[in-house]
Protein backbone atom coordinates (compact mmCIF):
# COMPACT_ATOMS: atom_id res chain seq x y z
CA MET A 1 -35.18 67.37 12.37
CA SER A 2 -32.07 67.87 11.34
CA SER A 3 -29.75 64.68 9.45
CA THR A 4 -27.57 64.28 12.27
CA VAL A 5 -30.55 64.21 15.27
CA LEU A 6 -32.79 61.72 13.09
CA PRO A 7 -30.57 58.69 13.05
CA ALA A 8 -29.89 58.95 16.73
CA VAL A 9 -33.80 59.13 17.40
CA ILE A 10 -34.60 56.26 15.53
CA ALA A 11 -32.13 54.20 17.03
CA VAL A 12 -33.17 54.94 20.61
CA ILE A 13 -36.83 54.64 19.48
CA ALA A 14 -35.88 51.08 17.71
CA SER A 15 -33.87 49.72 20.53
CA LEU A 16 -36.55 50.05 22.71
CA PHE A 17 -38.34 47.52 20.33
CA VAL A 18 -35.43 45.41 20.01
CA ALA A 19 -34.92 45.35 23.69
CA LEU A 20 -38.42 44.32 24.53
CA ALA A 21 -37.63 41.23 21.94
CA LEU A 22 -34.80 40.27 23.78
CA LEU A 23 -35.89 40.52 27.12
CA VAL A 24 -36.92 37.07 27.61
CA PRO A 25 -33.43 35.81 26.95
CA PHE A 26 -31.41 38.52 28.44
CA VAL A 27 -33.09 37.90 31.57
CA ALA A 28 -32.71 34.28 31.63
CA VAL A 29 -29.05 34.56 30.70
CA GLN A 30 -28.33 37.06 33.48
CA TYR A 31 -30.00 34.88 35.93
CA ARG A 32 -27.95 32.05 35.02
CA ARG A 33 -24.63 33.72 34.38
CA ARG A 34 -24.70 36.08 37.37
CA GLY A 35 -27.82 34.87 39.64
CA THR A 36 -29.46 38.07 39.33
CA LEU A 37 -30.29 41.06 37.05
CA GLY A 38 -28.09 43.63 37.59
CA LEU A 39 -28.43 47.45 37.03
CA GLY A 40 -25.09 47.91 35.92
CA PRO A 41 -24.98 44.98 33.29
CA THR A 42 -28.44 45.91 32.38
CA VAL A 43 -27.58 49.79 31.47
CA LEU A 44 -24.42 48.76 29.71
CA SER A 45 -26.17 46.13 27.47
CA PHE A 46 -28.64 48.58 26.65
CA ALA A 47 -26.14 51.25 25.67
CA ALA A 48 -24.62 48.87 23.25
CA LEU A 49 -27.98 48.07 21.80
CA VAL A 50 -28.65 51.85 21.10
CA TYR A 51 -25.10 52.07 20.01
CA ALA A 52 -25.29 49.25 17.34
CA LEU A 53 -28.31 50.54 16.05
CA ALA A 54 -27.26 54.00 16.00
CA LEU A 55 -24.10 53.08 13.74
CA VAL A 56 -26.48 51.69 11.52
CA SER A 57 -28.56 54.59 11.40
CA TYR A 58 -25.65 56.72 10.71
CA THR A 59 -24.57 54.73 7.96
CA LEU A 60 -27.61 54.45 6.26
CA LEU A 61 -29.61 57.31 7.03
CA PRO A 62 -31.20 59.87 5.41
CA LEU A 63 -32.08 57.75 2.56
CA PRO A 64 -32.25 59.49 -0.68
CA GLU A 65 -35.27 59.39 -2.91
CA LEU A 66 -34.75 56.97 -5.85
CA THR A 67 -35.32 58.58 -9.28
CA ALA A 68 -34.58 58.22 -12.46
CA ASP A 69 -31.72 60.79 -12.51
CA PHE A 70 -30.43 59.05 -9.20
CA CYS A 71 -26.86 58.65 -10.32
CA SER A 72 -26.34 61.95 -11.62
CA VAL A 73 -27.73 63.74 -8.82
CA HIS A 74 -26.21 61.77 -5.82
CA ARG A 75 -22.97 59.73 -7.13
CA VAL A 76 -20.09 60.10 -5.36
CA SER A 77 -16.31 58.72 -6.40
CA PRO A 78 -14.54 56.93 -3.60
CA GLN A 79 -11.51 58.57 -1.63
CA LEU A 80 -8.77 55.97 -1.48
CA ARG A 81 -5.71 58.31 -0.92
CA PRO A 82 -4.72 57.60 2.98
CA GLY A 83 -4.14 60.99 4.89
CA GLN A 84 -5.98 63.44 2.29
CA PHE A 85 -8.08 64.42 5.74
CA VAL A 86 -4.59 66.47 6.42
CA ALA A 87 -4.64 68.17 3.27
CA ASP A 88 -8.40 68.90 3.91
CA VAL A 89 -8.05 70.33 7.44
CA LEU A 90 -5.30 72.89 6.02
CA ARG A 91 -7.16 73.94 3.33
CA GLU A 92 -10.29 74.88 5.46
CA ASN A 93 -8.65 75.92 8.11
CA ARG A 94 -9.34 79.94 8.99
CA GLY A 95 -7.78 81.61 11.72
CA GLY A 96 -4.93 79.88 12.54
CA VAL A 97 -4.88 77.45 15.62
CA PHE A 98 -8.43 79.15 17.08
CA GLY A 99 -9.71 78.53 13.68
CA LEU A 100 -9.72 74.38 14.20
CA ALA A 101 -12.39 74.45 16.52
CA THR A 102 -14.64 75.49 13.59
CA ASN A 103 -12.82 73.30 10.99
CA ARG A 104 -15.37 71.14 9.71
CA ALA A 105 -12.92 68.78 8.10
CA LEU A 106 -11.41 68.30 11.61
CA GLN A 107 -14.84 68.22 12.94
CA GLN A 108 -15.66 65.00 10.62
CA VAL A 109 -12.18 63.18 11.71
CA VAL A 110 -13.07 63.91 15.37
CA PHE A 111 -16.24 62.40 14.99
CA ASN A 112 -15.28 59.21 13.07
CA VAL A 113 -12.77 58.80 15.99
CA ALA A 114 -15.54 59.26 18.59
CA LEU A 115 -18.05 57.28 16.41
CA PHE A 116 -16.15 54.07 17.15
CA VAL A 117 -14.53 54.61 20.35
CA PRO A 118 -17.87 53.01 22.55
CA LEU A 119 -17.40 49.83 20.01
CA GLY A 120 -13.89 49.54 21.58
CA MET A 121 -15.13 50.12 25.21
CA PHE A 122 -17.88 47.67 25.00
CA LEU A 123 -15.93 44.74 23.19
CA ARG A 124 -13.44 45.14 25.69
CA HIS A 125 -15.44 45.20 28.85
CA LEU A 126 -18.87 43.37 28.03
CA LEU A 127 -17.27 40.51 25.53
CA ARG A 128 -13.85 40.23 27.31
CA ARG A 129 -12.04 40.84 24.29
CA GLY A 130 -8.31 42.34 24.20
CA ILE A 131 -7.02 45.29 22.79
CA VAL A 132 -5.53 43.82 19.51
CA VAL A 133 -9.01 41.75 19.01
CA SER A 134 -11.26 44.77 19.69
CA THR A 135 -8.95 47.06 17.26
CA ALA A 136 -9.34 44.27 14.87
CA ILE A 137 -13.31 44.02 15.27
CA GLY A 138 -13.21 47.89 14.67
CA LEU A 139 -11.10 47.81 11.33
CA GLY A 140 -13.89 44.71 10.28
CA VAL A 141 -16.94 46.68 11.23
CA SER A 142 -15.37 49.78 9.95
CA LEU A 143 -15.03 48.04 6.59
CA LEU A 144 -18.53 46.75 6.20
CA VAL A 145 -19.93 50.34 6.79
CA GLU A 146 -17.43 51.61 3.91
CA LEU A 147 -18.11 48.74 1.72
CA THR A 148 -22.12 49.42 2.12
CA GLN A 149 -21.66 52.92 1.40
CA LEU A 150 -19.28 52.15 -1.56
CA THR A 151 -21.87 49.77 -3.17
CA GLY A 152 -24.92 51.81 -2.62
CA VAL A 153 -26.15 49.60 0.17
CA TRP A 154 -25.26 46.39 -1.62
CA THR A 155 -26.98 47.22 -4.74
CA LEU A 156 -30.22 48.27 -3.60
CA PHE A 157 -29.35 51.78 -5.13
CA PRO A 158 -27.53 52.00 -8.65
CA CYS A 159 -24.90 53.65 -7.49
CA ALA A 160 -22.79 55.22 -4.14
CA TYR A 161 -24.77 57.93 -2.85
CA ARG A 162 -22.15 58.25 0.41
CA LEU A 163 -18.62 58.35 0.18
CA PHE A 164 -16.28 55.87 0.58
CA ASP A 165 -13.26 57.29 2.37
CA VAL A 166 -10.02 55.39 3.39
CA ASP A 167 -9.41 58.05 5.99
CA ASP A 168 -12.73 57.23 7.43
CA LEU A 169 -11.16 53.43 7.95
CA ILE A 170 -8.14 54.63 9.63
CA ALA A 171 -10.07 57.04 12.05
CA ASN A 172 -12.77 54.54 12.59
CA THR A 173 -9.93 51.84 13.68
CA SER A 174 -8.19 54.77 16.13
CA GLY A 175 -11.43 55.16 17.71
CA ALA A 176 -11.61 51.47 18.31
CA LEU A 177 -7.92 51.06 19.44
CA LEU A 178 -8.62 54.19 21.90
CA GLY A 179 -11.95 52.67 23.23
CA ALA A 180 -10.33 49.24 23.74
CA LEU A 181 -7.72 51.26 25.85
CA LEU A 182 -10.29 52.83 27.75
CA GLY A 183 -12.49 49.81 28.27
CA PRO A 184 -11.58 49.29 31.73
CA VAL A 185 -13.30 52.35 32.75
CA LEU A 186 -16.58 50.62 32.41
CA ARG A 187 -15.78 48.68 35.55
CA LEU A 188 -16.78 52.01 37.20
CA VAL A 189 -20.54 51.52 36.32
CA PRO A 190 -22.21 50.43 39.61
CA GLY A 191 -24.33 47.47 40.05
CA GLN A 192 -21.72 45.00 38.53
CA ARG A 193 -20.68 42.96 41.40
CA THR A 194 -22.02 39.25 41.34
CA GLY A 195 -21.68 36.40 43.60
CA ASP A 196 -22.64 32.70 43.02
CA PRO A 197 -24.86 32.11 40.60
CA ASP A 198 -26.20 28.98 42.32
CA GLU A 199 -26.86 30.97 45.39
CA PRO A 200 -30.49 31.31 46.38
CA ARG A 201 -32.06 34.89 46.27
CA PRO A 202 -34.70 36.32 48.15
CA VAL A 203 -38.30 36.68 46.47
CA THR A 204 -38.60 40.40 45.80
CA ALA A 205 -41.26 42.31 44.35
CA ARG A 206 -38.98 43.62 41.70
CA ARG A 207 -38.07 40.17 40.80
CA ARG A 208 -41.76 38.71 40.80
CA LEU A 209 -42.76 41.89 38.45
CA LEU A 210 -39.94 41.27 36.32
CA GLY A 211 -41.00 37.62 35.63
CA MET A 212 -44.36 38.83 34.96
CA LEU A 213 -43.29 41.23 32.58
CA CYS A 214 -41.41 38.56 30.66
CA ASP A 215 -44.65 36.46 30.75
CA TRP A 216 -46.57 39.82 29.06
CA ALA A 217 -43.10 40.38 26.79
CA ALA A 218 -43.57 36.79 25.33
CA GLY A 219 -47.26 36.68 25.18
CA VAL A 220 -47.96 40.00 23.50
CA GLY A 221 -44.71 39.34 21.53
CA THR A 222 -45.71 36.16 19.86
CA GLY A 223 -49.16 37.30 19.27
CA GLY A 224 -47.65 40.31 17.51
CA VAL A 225 -45.33 38.15 15.02
CA LEU A 226 -48.10 35.76 14.37
CA ALA A 227 -50.55 38.69 13.38
CA VAL A 228 -47.75 40.32 11.28
CA GLY A 229 -46.94 37.23 9.69
CA TRP A 230 -50.59 36.29 8.75
CA SER A 231 -50.92 39.88 7.52
CA VAL A 232 -48.15 39.38 5.11
CA LEU A 233 -49.29 35.92 4.15
CA ALA A 234 -52.90 37.01 3.47
CA ALA A 235 -52.00 40.02 1.34
CA THR A 236 -49.24 37.69 -0.53
CA LEU A 237 -51.97 35.03 -1.38
CA ASP A 238 -54.80 37.51 -1.64
CA VAL A 239 -56.81 35.69 0.95
CA ASP A 240 -60.08 37.09 1.58
CA LEU A 241 -62.01 35.59 4.42
CA PRO A 242 -65.65 36.01 5.52
CA ALA A 243 -66.14 38.88 7.59
CA ARG A 244 -66.90 36.64 10.79
CA ALA A 245 -63.48 34.83 10.45
CA ASP A 246 -61.21 37.80 9.53
CA ARG A 247 -62.67 39.11 12.96
CA LEU A 248 -61.73 35.95 14.64
CA VAL A 249 -58.30 35.81 13.16
CA PRO A 250 -56.69 38.35 15.41
CA VAL A 251 -58.59 36.95 18.38
CA VAL A 252 -56.71 33.69 17.55
CA LEU A 253 -53.45 34.56 16.78
CA THR A 254 -53.09 37.40 19.37
CA GLY A 255 -54.76 35.78 22.48
CA LEU A 256 -55.65 32.09 22.13
CA VAL A 257 -52.32 30.62 20.47
CA PRO A 258 -49.88 32.54 23.06
CA GLY A 259 -51.98 31.87 25.74
CA LEU A 260 -52.47 28.16 25.04
CA LEU A 261 -48.64 27.92 24.74
CA LEU A 262 -48.26 29.31 27.98
CA ALA A 263 -50.83 27.10 29.35
CA LEU A 264 -49.07 24.14 28.00
CA LEU A 265 -45.86 25.22 29.74
CA VAL A 266 -47.70 25.92 33.09
CA LEU A 267 -49.54 22.16 32.82
CA ARG A 268 -46.01 20.56 32.42
CA THR A 269 -43.93 22.74 34.74
CA GLY A 270 -46.48 24.37 36.99
CA ARG A 271 -44.51 27.51 36.27
CA THR A 272 -45.02 30.31 33.88
CA LEU A 273 -42.20 31.64 31.55
CA GLY A 274 -41.44 34.54 33.30
CA GLU A 275 -41.29 32.45 36.62
CA LEU A 276 -38.21 30.05 34.47
CA VAL A 277 -36.61 32.89 33.45
CA VAL A 278 -36.41 34.50 36.73
CA ARG A 279 -35.84 31.23 38.62
CA LEU A 280 -39.02 31.02 40.86
CA ARG A 281 -40.87 27.99 41.28
CA PRO A 282 -44.48 27.64 43.27
CA THR A 283 -44.61 25.75 46.58
CA SER A 284 -47.86 24.63 48.05
CA THR A 285 -49.07 25.62 51.55
CA ALA A 286 -51.71 24.37 53.87
CA GLY A 287 -54.99 24.37 52.23
CA ALA A 288 -53.69 24.73 48.66
CA THR A 289 -55.31 23.78 45.53
CA SER A 290 -53.36 21.27 43.84
CA GLY A 291 -53.56 19.50 40.59
CA ARG A 292 -53.84 20.69 36.89
CA GLY A 293 -56.84 22.17 37.74
CA ALA A 294 -55.30 24.85 39.99
CA ARG A 295 -52.63 25.09 37.33
CA LEU A 296 -55.04 26.31 34.99
CA LEU A 297 -56.89 28.43 37.30
CA ARG A 298 -53.42 30.44 38.03
CA TRP A 299 -53.04 30.58 34.43
CA ALA A 300 -56.70 31.86 33.62
CA LEU A 301 -56.25 34.51 36.66
CA GLY A 302 -52.37 35.47 35.40
CA ILE A 303 -51.22 35.92 31.88
CA GLY A 304 -53.42 33.61 30.22
CA GLY A 305 -56.63 35.13 31.19
CA TYR A 306 -55.08 38.66 30.30
CA LEU A 307 -53.88 37.63 26.82
CA VAL A 308 -57.47 35.96 25.88
CA LEU A 309 -59.77 39.08 27.32
CA ARG A 310 -57.40 41.79 25.67
CA SER A 311 -57.49 39.86 22.04
CA ALA A 312 -61.04 40.05 22.00
CA GLY A 313 -61.49 43.45 21.03
CA ILE A 314 -64.44 44.44 23.35
CA PRO A 315 -63.92 47.11 25.29
CA LEU A 316 -65.58 45.67 28.30
CA LEU A 317 -63.18 42.77 28.10
CA ASP A 318 -60.18 44.95 27.58
CA LEU A 319 -61.74 46.81 30.94
CA ALA A 320 -61.55 43.40 32.36
CA ALA A 321 -57.97 42.69 31.14
CA THR A 322 -56.53 45.92 32.55
CA ALA A 323 -58.35 45.44 35.93
CA LEU A 324 -56.40 41.61 36.17
CA ALA A 325 -53.28 43.31 35.57
CA VAL A 326 -53.62 45.86 37.76
CA ALA A 327 -54.64 43.50 40.46
CA SER A 328 -52.11 41.17 39.88
CA VAL A 329 -49.48 43.85 40.18
CA VAL A 330 -50.84 45.29 43.42
CA ALA A 331 -51.10 41.97 44.94
CA VAL A 332 -47.69 41.47 44.32
CA LEU A 333 -46.64 44.91 46.07
CA VAL A 334 -48.46 44.61 48.93
CA GLY A 335 -49.18 40.61 49.51
CA ALA A 336 -47.04 38.67 51.66
CA GLY A 337 -44.85 36.31 49.69
CA ARG A 338 -45.02 38.10 46.43
CA GLY A 339 -47.28 35.76 44.71
CA GLY A 340 -49.69 37.74 43.03
CA PHE A 341 -53.36 37.79 42.47
CA ALA A 342 -53.63 34.00 41.33
CA TYR A 343 -51.50 32.65 43.85
CA ARG A 344 -53.33 34.09 46.53
CA VAL A 345 -56.71 32.83 45.21
CA VAL A 346 -55.07 29.06 44.84
CA HIS A 347 -52.97 29.37 47.99
CA TRP A 348 -49.42 29.12 46.72
CA GLN A 349 -46.37 30.74 47.44
CA LEU A 350 -43.33 31.47 45.47
CA GLU A 351 -39.41 30.06 46.18
CA ASP A 352 -36.27 30.40 44.88
CA ASP A 353 -35.48 27.35 42.49
CA ARG A 354 -32.08 27.12 43.78
CA THR A 355 -33.45 26.59 47.30
CA GLY A 356 -32.53 23.06 48.22
CA ALA A 357 -30.31 20.91 50.82
CA ASP A 358 -27.28 22.68 49.76
CA HIS A 359 -28.82 25.74 49.46
CA PRO A 360 -31.29 26.59 52.55
CA ARG A 361 -34.08 29.67 51.72
CA PRO A 362 -32.76 32.79 52.10
CA ARG A 363 -34.25 35.40 54.41
CA GLN A 364 -36.90 37.31 52.74
CA PRO A 365 -36.71 41.38 52.86
CA SER A 366 -39.34 42.96 55.09
CA ALA A 367 -42.38 44.16 53.03
């Protein structure tokens, strides 16, 4: 894979993991600012995330191998003369005006301008910054990039292996200015309209599944962080546990601890984290099971049971966790009320938590 394509691929892959880590706070903010999760803001926010990571990737990658003769092989001197790119373009130009299309020096200038156009657009549209502020931020980001290259990634390498070029500062800042001017174009992206954020919305399958996804991301993410943290700590302190304890640690960290945290939330509020995020709350119906026992039962038949079964590392229990997840999703898609498998067992229903005297329950869409 070429050095031009590789950083972009790495940025996209990394963005998926970062987006999953930021899913819960992002959805929570959107539901409280906009009342729902719009397609337009979601797409634009993910695009901004990919862009930010791509900027980091193109600044640092590919990393050279650190050898004894590193500086004699890779050292570059900074280019501090503004406008040097003009001489470079003229020197490399072949074939007059038609040769500009293949002029590598000109291509580099165009690339550096284009690289910062999205930054100006995102600052102007998503963060509501003005043209001057967006351009100034573009200059600051470009300077940070150039200083990172000048200092050998802040002395991680013994010398600069990528060129600090003052013309890059000029081109990047120009790109940010152009992007700020073009920022209003992003208003054309569909799905950005919003109403009163306090107005109740229907309990749809998409909304319920989004809440379940947030539960899964929070549980699995917490378990993953704890497991990685334990691995680093054990390696640092050279911890040597007995075989049985060593097998139990992943179960405790990836299943029991996240599951217990979610159980405490359900016992206290009656809602899972995902339901809180998408602003759903349970309501009782005739014949419904009530009390803490019912809350624990719906936890066990939902995200809690899934996390505990999955963490055991036993094939049969893994299959049971998968079956529980499938049953929960199917029950949301085909069942009335969109509560899911656990809600059907305890005879609970879901409603928007903004429903009240001032905001009557919205009309539900047909199944």
